Amino acid sequence: MTLEENKELVRRDTEEVWGDENVELIDEIYDEDFVLHDPSSPDETGGRDEYKEYVETYRTAFPDAEYAVEEMVAEGDSVALRYTARGTHEGELAGIEPTGERVTVSGMELYRVANGKIAEMWTNYDALGVFQQLGVVPPLDELARESGGD
């Protein structure tokens, strides 16, 4: 596949799987043995079905989520993506009951494409910022004041 085809595959994930909530597309664009590396998840996600559950967890927590691709770069079999997501917390997430808060999060992902499918992804997003916007973690300046810092 060309670099542009790899980028289009990743764009489809962001816009169609995440944005349009088309989890069935995962069967078409993801490798059967896909692996997700997410430092905010306790375990690595392996395979299409587990990734579908991962997507559905976040889409249930933020059913009105919107995703904007800010930048994409491709080289070899890798595609890097920077995005911004916005949504309202209307479902449980990581044991946190819905707060009704609107949040904005930025993140970056690195995808590995093999044989025309997404084979692996490393994701990193501002999870702390999300929890602060939900009001379950105080802002860092507030924590510093509480601990006696400036």
N, C-alpha and C. Protein backbone atom coordinates (compact mmCIF):
# COMPACT_ATOMS: atom_id res chain seq x y z
N MET A 1 0.85 -1.19 0.00
CA MET A 1 0.00 0.00 0.00
C MET A 1 0.89 1.25 0.00
N THR A 2 0.37 2.31 -0.57
CA THR A 2 1.09 3.57 -0.57
C THR A 2 0.92 4.28 0.77
N LEU A 3 1.73 5.30 0.99
CA LEU A 3 1.59 6.09 2.22
C LEU A 3 0.20 6.73 2.29
N GLU A 4 -0.30 7.21 1.17
CA GLU A 4 -1.64 7.83 1.16
C GLU A 4 -2.73 6.81 1.47
N GLU A 5 -2.58 5.60 0.98
CA GLU A 5 -3.56 4.54 1.30
C GLU A 5 -3.51 4.19 2.78
N ASN A 6 -2.31 4.14 3.35
CA ASN A 6 -2.19 3.88 4.79
C ASN A 6 -2.86 4.99 5.59
N LYS A 7 -2.64 6.24 5.19
CA LYS A 7 -3.26 7.37 5.88
C LYS A 7 -4.79 7.32 5.76
N GLU A 8 -5.29 6.94 4.60
CA GLU A 8 -6.73 6.85 4.41
C GLU A 8 -7.32 5.75 5.31
N LEU A 9 -6.62 4.66 5.46
CA LEU A 9 -7.07 3.57 6.35
C LEU A 9 -7.20 4.09 7.79
N VAL A 10 -6.20 4.82 8.26
CA VAL A 10 -6.23 5.38 9.61
C VAL A 10 -7.32 6.45 9.74
N ARG A 11 -7.47 7.27 8.72
CA ARG A 11 -8.53 8.29 8.75
C ARG A 11 -9.91 7.63 8.88
N ARG A 12 -10.10 6.51 8.19
CA ARG A 12 -11.37 5.79 8.28
C ARG A 12 -11.63 5.32 9.71
N ASP A 13 -10.57 4.86 10.39
CA ASP A 13 -10.73 4.46 11.79
C ASP A 13 -11.22 5.65 12.62
N THR A 14 -10.54 6.77 12.50
CA THR A 14 -10.89 7.93 13.32
C THR A 14 -12.28 8.47 12.97
N GLU A 15 -12.54 8.65 11.70
CA GLU A 15 -13.79 9.29 11.29
C GLU A 15 -14.99 8.35 11.29
N GLU A 16 -14.79 7.11 10.84
CA GLU A 16 -15.93 6.20 10.71
C GLU A 16 -16.14 5.31 11.92
N VAL A 17 -15.06 4.67 12.42
CA VAL A 17 -15.22 3.80 13.59
C VAL A 17 -15.54 4.65 14.81
N TRP A 18 -14.69 5.66 15.08
CA TRP A 18 -14.87 6.48 16.28
C TRP A 18 -15.92 7.57 16.07
N GLY A 19 -15.84 8.29 14.99
CA GLY A 19 -16.75 9.42 14.77
C GLY A 19 -18.17 9.01 14.45
N ASP A 20 -18.32 8.05 13.52
CA ASP A 20 -19.66 7.61 13.10
C ASP A 20 -20.14 6.40 13.87
N GLU A 21 -19.32 5.89 14.77
CA GLU A 21 -19.66 4.73 15.60
C GLU A 21 -19.95 3.48 14.76
N ASN A 22 -19.17 3.29 13.70
CA ASN A 22 -19.33 2.15 12.82
C ASN A 22 -18.34 1.06 13.24
N VAL A 23 -18.62 0.38 14.35
CA VAL A 23 -17.69 -0.62 14.87
C VAL A 23 -17.58 -1.83 13.95
N GLU A 24 -18.56 -2.08 13.10
CA GLU A 24 -18.49 -3.21 12.18
C GLU A 24 -17.38 -3.02 11.15
N LEU A 25 -16.99 -1.77 10.90
CA LEU A 25 -15.90 -1.49 9.97
C LEU A 25 -14.57 -2.07 10.47
N ILE A 26 -14.47 -2.30 11.77
CA ILE A 26 -13.26 -2.88 12.36
C ILE A 26 -12.93 -4.21 11.68
N ASP A 27 -13.95 -5.01 11.36
CA ASP A 27 -13.71 -6.29 10.70
C ASP A 27 -13.05 -6.11 9.34
N GLU A 28 -13.31 -4.99 8.68
CA GLU A 28 -12.77 -4.74 7.34
C GLU A 28 -11.37 -4.14 7.37
N ILE A 29 -11.11 -3.23 8.29
CA ILE A 29 -9.85 -2.48 8.22
C ILE A 29 -8.80 -2.89 9.25
N TYR A 30 -9.16 -3.76 10.18
CA TYR A 30 -8.21 -4.21 11.21
C TYR A 30 -7.80 -5.65 10.97
N ASP A 31 -6.54 -5.94 11.22
CA ASP A 31 -6.02 -7.30 11.16
C ASP A 31 -6.68 -8.14 12.24
N GLU A 32 -6.87 -9.39 11.96
CA GLU A 32 -7.49 -10.32 12.92
C GLU A 32 -6.73 -10.36 14.25
N ASP A 33 -5.40 -10.22 14.18
CA ASP A 33 -4.55 -10.29 15.38
C ASP A 33 -4.12 -8.91 15.87
N PHE A 34 -4.93 -7.89 15.58
CA PHE A 34 -4.63 -6.52 15.98
C PHE A 34 -4.31 -6.43 17.48
N VAL A 35 -3.35 -5.54 17.82
CA VAL A 35 -3.00 -5.30 19.23
C VAL A 35 -3.05 -3.80 19.48
N LEU A 36 -3.73 -3.40 20.56
CA LEU A 36 -3.80 -2.01 20.99
C LEU A 36 -2.95 -1.85 22.24
N HIS A 37 -2.07 -0.85 22.23
CA HIS A 37 -1.26 -0.51 23.39
C HIS A 37 -1.79 0.81 23.93
N ASP A 38 -2.41 0.78 25.11
CA ASP A 38 -3.00 1.97 25.72
C ASP A 38 -2.56 2.02 27.18
N PRO A 39 -1.70 2.98 27.55
CA PRO A 39 -1.21 3.02 28.93
C PRO A 39 -2.31 3.30 29.97
N SER A 40 -3.47 3.78 29.53
CA SER A 40 -4.54 4.03 30.49
C SER A 40 -5.42 2.80 30.70
N SER A 41 -5.18 1.72 29.96
CA SER A 41 -5.92 0.47 30.14
C SER A 41 -5.05 -0.52 30.89
N PRO A 42 -5.65 -1.31 31.76
CA PRO A 42 -4.86 -2.25 32.55
C PRO A 42 -4.22 -3.36 31.73
N ASP A 43 -4.84 -3.75 30.63
CA ASP A 43 -4.33 -4.85 29.81
C ASP A 43 -4.27 -4.41 28.36
N GLU A 44 -3.39 -5.05 27.61
CA GLU A 44 -3.37 -4.81 26.17
C GLU A 44 -4.64 -5.40 25.58
N THR A 45 -5.16 -4.71 24.58
CA THR A 45 -6.35 -5.19 23.88
C THR A 45 -5.86 -5.97 22.66
N GLY A 46 -6.35 -7.18 22.51
CA GLY A 46 -5.93 -8.02 21.39
C GLY A 46 -7.11 -8.51 20.59
N GLY A 47 -7.02 -8.37 19.29
CA GLY A 47 -8.06 -8.87 18.40
C GLY A 47 -9.15 -7.85 18.14
N ARG A 48 -9.87 -8.12 17.09
CA ARG A 48 -10.93 -7.20 16.66
C ARG A 48 -12.07 -7.08 17.68
N ASP A 49 -12.49 -8.21 18.23
CA ASP A 49 -13.64 -8.18 19.15
C ASP A 49 -13.33 -7.37 20.41
N GLU A 50 -12.13 -7.53 20.95
CA GLU A 50 -11.76 -6.74 22.13
C GLU A 50 -11.66 -5.26 21.78
N TYR A 51 -11.18 -4.96 20.58
CA TYR A 51 -11.10 -3.56 20.18
C TYR A 51 -12.50 -2.98 20.01
N LYS A 52 -13.43 -3.76 19.49
CA LYS A 52 -14.83 -3.29 19.38
C LYS A 52 -15.37 -2.93 20.77
N GLU A 53 -15.10 -3.78 21.75
CA GLU A 53 -15.56 -3.51 23.12
C GLU A 53 -14.92 -2.23 23.65
N TYR A 54 -13.64 -2.04 23.37
CA TYR A 54 -12.91 -0.83 23.79
C TYR A 54 -13.59 0.41 23.21
N VAL A 55 -13.85 0.39 21.89
CA VAL A 55 -14.50 1.52 21.23
C VAL A 55 -15.89 1.75 21.84
N GLU A 56 -16.66 0.69 22.01
CA GLU A 56 -18.02 0.82 22.55
C GLU A 56 -18.02 1.36 23.97
N THR A 57 -17.01 1.04 24.77
CA THR A 57 -16.91 1.57 26.13
C THR A 57 -16.84 3.09 26.10
N TYR A 58 -15.96 3.62 25.25
CA TYR A 58 -15.82 5.07 25.16
C TYR A 58 -17.01 5.73 24.48
N ARG A 59 -17.57 5.07 23.46
CA ARG A 59 -18.73 5.64 22.76
C ARG A 59 -19.96 5.64 23.67
N THR A 60 -20.07 4.68 24.58
CA THR A 60 -21.17 4.67 25.54
C THR A 60 -20.99 5.78 26.56
N ALA A 61 -19.75 5.99 26.99
CA ALA A 61 -19.46 7.05 27.97
C ALA A 61 -19.66 8.43 27.37
N PHE A 62 -19.33 8.59 26.08
CA PHE A 62 -19.43 9.87 25.39
C PHE A 62 -20.17 9.69 24.07
N PRO A 63 -21.50 9.48 24.12
CA PRO A 63 -22.25 9.13 22.90
C PRO A 63 -22.28 10.24 21.85
N ASP A 64 -22.03 11.47 22.23
CA ASP A 64 -22.03 12.56 21.25
C ASP A 64 -20.62 12.95 20.82
N ALA A 65 -19.65 12.08 21.06
CA ALA A 65 -18.25 12.38 20.78
C ALA A 65 -18.03 12.75 19.32
N GLU A 66 -17.17 13.75 19.14
CA GLU A 66 -16.76 14.18 17.81
C GLU A 66 -15.24 14.14 17.78
N TYR A 67 -14.69 13.69 16.67
CA TYR A 67 -13.25 13.54 16.52
C TYR A 67 -12.78 14.38 15.35
N ALA A 68 -11.71 15.13 15.57
CA ALA A 68 -11.11 15.93 14.50
C ALA A 68 -9.65 15.51 14.33
N VAL A 69 -9.30 15.13 13.13
CA VAL A 69 -7.91 14.81 12.81
C VAL A 69 -7.19 16.14 12.61
N GLU A 70 -6.19 16.37 13.44
CA GLU A 70 -5.44 17.62 13.38
C GLU A 70 -4.24 17.50 12.44
N GLU A 71 -3.61 16.33 12.43
CA GLU A 71 -2.42 16.14 11.61
C GLU A 71 -2.15 14.65 11.45
N MET A 72 -1.61 14.29 10.28
CA MET A 72 -1.24 12.91 10.01
C MET A 72 0.08 12.90 9.26
N VAL A 73 0.94 11.97 9.63
CA VAL A 73 2.23 11.79 8.97
C VAL A 73 2.42 10.29 8.76
N ALA A 74 2.89 9.92 7.57
CA ALA A 74 3.11 8.51 7.27
C ALA A 74 4.53 8.29 6.77
N GLU A 75 5.09 7.17 7.20
CA GLU A 75 6.42 6.76 6.73
C GLU A 75 6.49 5.24 6.83
N GLY A 76 6.93 4.61 5.78
CA GLY A 76 7.01 3.15 5.78
C GLY A 76 5.64 2.54 6.06
N ASP A 77 5.58 1.67 7.06
CA ASP A 77 4.29 1.04 7.41
C ASP A 77 3.63 1.71 8.61
N SER A 78 4.11 2.91 8.98
CA SER A 78 3.59 3.62 10.15
C SER A 78 2.84 4.89 9.76
N VAL A 79 1.78 5.16 10.52
CA VAL A 79 1.03 6.41 10.39
C VAL A 79 0.87 7.00 11.77
N ALA A 80 1.29 8.26 11.92
CA ALA A 80 1.11 8.98 13.18
C ALA A 80 -0.05 9.95 13.02
N LEU A 81 -0.85 10.06 14.06
CA LEU A 81 -2.06 10.88 14.01
C LEU A 81 -2.15 11.70 15.28
N ARG A 82 -2.47 12.99 15.11
CA ARG A 82 -2.78 13.86 16.25
C ARG A 82 -4.24 14.26 16.10
N TYR A 83 -5.01 14.15 17.18
CA TYR A 83 -6.44 14.41 17.10
C TYR A 83 -6.94 15.21 18.31
N THR A 84 -8.14 15.74 18.17
CA THR A 84 -8.87 16.35 19.27
C THR A 84 -10.25 15.71 19.30
N ALA A 85 -10.70 15.32 20.48
CA ALA A 85 -12.04 14.75 20.64
C ALA A 85 -12.81 15.58 21.66
N ARG A 86 -14.11 15.70 21.42
CA ARG A 86 -15.00 16.41 22.33
C ARG A 86 -16.25 15.59 22.54
N GLY A 87 -16.76 15.59 23.76
CA GLY A 87 -17.98 14.86 24.03
C GLY A 87 -18.50 15.12 25.42
N THR A 88 -19.74 14.69 25.65
CA THR A 88 -20.41 14.87 26.94
C THR A 88 -20.44 13.54 27.67
N HIS A 89 -20.02 13.56 28.93
CA HIS A 89 -19.93 12.34 29.73
C HIS A 89 -21.34 11.91 30.16
N GLU A 90 -21.92 10.97 29.41
CA GLU A 90 -23.29 10.53 29.66
C GLU A 90 -23.40 9.05 30.05
N GLY A 91 -22.27 8.36 30.12
CA GLY A 91 -22.26 6.95 30.50
C GLY A 91 -21.07 6.68 31.40
N GLU A 92 -21.12 5.55 32.11
CA GLU A 92 -20.04 5.21 33.04
C GLU A 92 -18.72 5.05 32.30
N LEU A 93 -17.66 5.51 32.93
CA LEU A 93 -16.31 5.36 32.39
C LEU A 93 -15.36 5.10 33.54
N ALA A 94 -14.70 3.96 33.51
CA ALA A 94 -13.71 3.60 34.54
C ALA A 94 -14.30 3.71 35.94
N GLY A 95 -15.56 3.29 36.09
CA GLY A 95 -16.21 3.33 37.39
C GLY A 95 -16.76 4.70 37.77
N ILE A 96 -16.64 5.67 36.90
CA ILE A 96 -17.14 7.03 37.18
C ILE A 96 -18.52 7.17 36.57
N GLU A 97 -19.48 7.44 37.43
CA GLU A 97 -20.85 7.63 36.97
C GLU A 97 -20.93 8.88 36.09
N PRO A 98 -21.91 8.94 35.17
CA PRO A 98 -22.02 10.09 34.27
C PRO A 98 -22.09 11.41 35.04
N THR A 99 -21.34 12.38 34.57
CA THR A 99 -21.30 13.70 35.21
C THR A 99 -22.05 14.75 34.41
N GLY A 100 -22.30 14.48 33.13
CA GLY A 100 -22.92 15.48 32.27
C GLY A 100 -21.94 16.55 31.81
N GLU A 101 -20.68 16.42 32.18
CA GLU A 101 -19.67 17.42 31.80
C GLU A 101 -19.25 17.24 30.35
N ARG A 102 -19.06 18.35 29.68
CA ARG A 102 -18.52 18.35 28.32
C ARG A 102 -17.00 18.42 28.42
N VAL A 103 -16.29 17.52 27.74
CA VAL A 103 -14.84 17.48 27.83
C VAL A 103 -14.21 17.59 26.44
N THR A 104 -12.97 18.05 26.44
CA THR A 104 -12.15 18.11 25.24
C THR A 104 -10.84 17.43 25.58
N VAL A 105 -10.40 16.55 24.70
CA VAL A 105 -9.14 15.82 24.93
C VAL A 105 -8.33 15.78 23.65
N SER A 106 -7.03 15.92 23.82
CA SER A 106 -6.15 15.78 22.67
C SER A 106 -5.35 14.49 22.85
N GLY A 107 -4.95 13.92 21.73
CA GLY A 107 -4.19 12.68 21.80
C GLY A 107 -3.39 12.44 20.55
N MET A 108 -2.52 11.45 20.65
CA MET A 108 -1.70 11.03 19.52
C MET A 108 -1.72 9.52 19.44
N GLU A 109 -1.66 9.03 18.22
CA GLU A 109 -1.65 7.59 18.01
C GLU A 109 -0.62 7.26 16.94
N LEU A 110 -0.03 6.10 17.08
CA LEU A 110 0.87 5.57 16.07
C LEU A 110 0.31 4.22 15.63
N TYR A 111 0.04 4.12 14.35
CA TYR A 111 -0.52 2.89 13.77
C TYR A 111 0.55 2.17 12.96
N ARG A 112 0.49 0.84 12.98
CA ARG A 112 1.31 0.03 12.08
C ARG A 112 0.36 -0.70 11.14
N VAL A 113 0.60 -0.52 9.85
CA VAL A 113 -0.24 -1.14 8.83
C VAL A 113 0.53 -2.29 8.20
N ALA A 114 -0.15 -3.43 8.04
CA ALA A 114 0.47 -4.60 7.40
C ALA A 114 -0.58 -5.28 6.52
N ASN A 115 -0.19 -5.55 5.29
CA ASN A 115 -1.08 -6.25 4.35
C ASN A 115 -2.43 -5.55 4.19
N GLY A 116 -2.41 -4.22 4.18
CA GLY A 116 -3.64 -3.46 3.95
C GLY A 116 -4.58 -3.37 5.13
N LYS A 117 -4.11 -3.76 6.32
CA LYS A 117 -4.94 -3.72 7.53
C LYS A 117 -4.17 -3.04 8.65
N ILE A 118 -4.91 -2.49 9.61
CA ILE A 118 -4.28 -1.93 10.80
C ILE A 118 -3.90 -3.11 11.70
N ALA A 119 -2.62 -3.26 11.96
CA ALA A 119 -2.13 -4.41 12.71
C ALA A 119 -1.84 -4.08 14.17
N GLU A 120 -1.48 -2.84 14.44
CA GLU A 120 -1.09 -2.46 15.79
C GLU A 120 -1.28 -0.96 15.96
N MET A 121 -1.62 -0.55 17.20
CA MET A 121 -1.77 0.87 17.48
C MET A 121 -1.28 1.16 18.89
N TRP A 122 -0.54 2.26 19.01
CA TRP A 122 -0.14 2.81 20.30
C TRP A 122 -0.90 4.10 20.46
N THR A 123 -1.62 4.27 21.55
CA THR A 123 -2.40 5.47 21.76
C THR A 123 -1.98 6.14 23.05
N ASN A 124 -2.01 7.45 23.05
CA ASN A 124 -1.71 8.22 24.24
C ASN A 124 -2.52 9.50 24.19
N TYR A 125 -3.35 9.70 25.18
CA TYR A 125 -4.19 10.90 25.22
C TYR A 125 -4.18 11.45 26.63
N ASP A 126 -4.68 12.64 26.78
CA ASP A 126 -4.63 13.34 28.06
C ASP A 126 -5.70 12.82 29.01
N ALA A 127 -5.50 11.61 29.53
CA ALA A 127 -6.46 10.99 30.44
C ALA A 127 -6.60 11.81 31.73
N LEU A 128 -5.49 12.34 32.25
CA LEU A 128 -5.56 13.17 33.45
C LEU A 128 -6.44 14.39 33.21
N GLY A 129 -6.26 15.02 32.05
CA GLY A 129 -7.08 16.18 31.71
C GLY A 129 -8.56 15.83 31.64
N VAL A 130 -8.89 14.66 31.12
CA VAL A 130 -10.29 14.23 31.07
C VAL A 130 -10.85 14.10 32.48
N PHE A 131 -10.10 13.43 33.36
CA PHE A 131 -10.57 13.24 34.73
C PHE A 131 -10.68 14.57 35.47
N GLN A 132 -9.82 15.51 35.16
CA GLN A 132 -9.92 16.85 35.76
C GLN A 132 -11.17 17.56 35.25
N GLN A 133 -11.45 17.46 33.94
CA GLN A 133 -12.65 18.09 33.39
C GLN A 133 -13.93 17.45 33.93
N LEU A 134 -13.85 16.16 34.27
CA LEU A 134 -15.02 15.49 34.84
C LEU A 134 -15.19 15.82 36.32
N GLY A 135 -14.16 16.46 36.91
CA GLY A 135 -14.25 16.86 38.31
C GLY A 135 -13.88 15.77 39.30
N VAL A 136 -13.29 14.68 38.82
CA VAL A 136 -12.94 13.59 39.74
C VAL A 136 -11.49 13.69 40.20
N VAL A 137 -10.69 14.52 39.55
CA VAL A 137 -9.31 14.80 39.94
C VAL A 137 -9.16 16.31 39.94
N PRO A 138 -8.68 16.89 41.04
CA PRO A 138 -8.52 18.35 41.05
C PRO A 138 -7.43 18.82 40.10
N PRO A 139 -7.52 20.06 39.62
CA PRO A 139 -6.45 20.61 38.76
C PRO A 139 -5.12 20.59 39.50
N LEU A 140 -4.02 20.51 38.76
CA LEU A 140 -2.70 20.40 39.36
C LEU A 140 -2.36 21.59 40.26
N ASP A 141 -2.77 22.81 39.88
CA ASP A 141 -2.47 23.96 40.73
C ASP A 141 -3.18 23.86 42.08
N GLU A 142 -4.37 23.29 42.08
CA GLU A 142 -5.11 23.07 43.32
C GLU A 142 -4.41 22.02 44.19
N LEU A 143 -3.93 20.94 43.55
CA LEU A 143 -3.20 19.91 44.30
C LEU A 143 -1.93 20.50 44.93
N ALA A 144 -1.24 21.36 44.18
CA ALA A 144 -0.01 21.99 44.69
C ALA A 144 -0.31 22.85 45.92
N ARG A 145 -1.41 23.61 45.85
CA ARG A 145 -1.78 24.45 47.01
C ARG A 145 -2.11 23.58 48.21
N GLU A 146 -2.84 22.48 47.98
CA GLU A 146 -3.21 21.59 49.08
C GLU A 146 -2.00 20.94 49.73
N SER A 147 -0.95 20.70 48.92
CA SER A 147 0.22 20.05 49.48
C SER A 147 1.25 21.05 50.02
N GLY A 148 0.89 22.33 49.99
CA GLY A 148 1.80 23.34 50.54
C GLY A 148 2.74 23.94 49.52
N GLY A 149 2.61 23.53 48.25
CA GLY A 149 3.44 24.09 47.19
C GLY A 149 2.89 25.42 46.73
N ASP A 150 3.63 26.10 45.88
CA ASP A 150 3.19 27.41 45.38
C ASP A 150 2.22 27.28 44.26
